[in-house]
Amino acid sequence: MELPASIHPNESWKINKVCEVFNLRAEELKEIIKRVGYNIKDIESYLAKKRLPKEPFKN
């Protein structure tokens, strides 16, 4: 099943699917939606940036 292009908070099946695909809790997804909106591509881009490996600490 493909992801929908956008998500709406009243469509629980979309929320469940997006949470499953991105390994998120519903609360996490709702916070991300507050930051970037309902577009799945925007959510995906946000997560890609947040989940990048961090640089090792340099002195």
Protein backbone atom coordinates (compact mmCIF):
# COMPACT_ATOMS: atom_id res chain seq x y z
CA MET A 1 0.00 0.00 0.00
CA GLU A 2 1.36 3.40 -0.97
CA LEU A 3 1.37 6.33 1.36
CA PRO A 4 -1.24 9.02 0.75
CA ALA A 5 -0.02 12.38 -0.56
CA SER A 6 -1.30 14.11 2.56
CA ILE A 7 -2.68 13.21 5.94
CA HIS A 8 -5.65 14.57 7.85
CA PRO A 9 -5.99 14.13 11.62
CA ASN A 10 -9.54 12.75 11.29
CA GLU A 11 -8.42 9.91 9.00
CA SER A 12 -7.07 7.42 11.52
CA TRP A 13 -6.13 4.84 8.89
CA LYS A 14 -3.74 7.37 7.33
CA ILE A 15 -2.25 8.25 10.69
CA ASN A 16 -1.76 4.57 11.49
CA LYS A 17 -0.16 3.87 8.11
CA VAL A 18 2.24 6.81 8.31
CA CYS A 19 3.19 5.89 11.88
CA GLU A 20 3.85 2.32 10.80
CA VAL A 21 5.96 3.29 7.79
CA PHE A 22 8.06 5.87 9.65
CA ASN A 23 8.13 3.99 12.98
CA LEU A 24 6.46 6.81 14.91
CA ARG A 25 3.94 7.08 17.71
CA ALA A 26 0.78 9.06 16.91
CA GLU A 27 1.84 11.78 19.34
CA GLU A 28 5.17 12.16 17.51
CA LEU A 29 3.43 12.41 14.16
CA LYS A 30 1.05 15.08 15.48
CA GLU A 31 4.02 17.16 16.69
CA ILE A 32 5.70 16.83 13.30
CA ILE A 33 2.47 17.87 11.55
CA LYS A 34 2.42 21.00 13.73
CA ARG A 35 5.91 21.84 12.46
CA VAL A 36 5.71 20.97 8.75
CA GLY A 37 2.05 20.49 7.86
CA TYR A 38 0.04 17.61 6.41
CA ASN A 39 2.01 16.86 3.25
CA ILE A 40 3.68 13.42 3.42
CA LYS A 41 6.73 14.56 1.42
CA ASP A 42 7.30 17.39 3.91
CA ILE A 43 6.98 14.94 6.81
CA GLU A 44 9.39 12.55 5.10
CA SER A 45 11.93 15.35 4.48
CA TYR A 46 11.68 16.52 8.08
CA LEU A 47 12.32 13.00 9.37
CA ALA A 48 15.24 12.48 6.99
CA LYS A 49 16.92 15.61 8.35
CA LYS A 50 16.19 14.73 11.98
CA ARG A 51 17.42 11.16 11.69
CA LEU A 52 20.77 11.89 10.06
CA PRO A 53 23.70 10.49 12.03
CA LYS A 54 25.26 13.16 14.17
CA GLU A 55 28.86 14.22 13.69
CA PRO A 56 31.24 13.03 16.40
CA PHE A 57 32.18 15.66 18.94
CA LYS A 58 35.31 17.55 17.86
CA ASN A 59 37.58 19.60 20.11
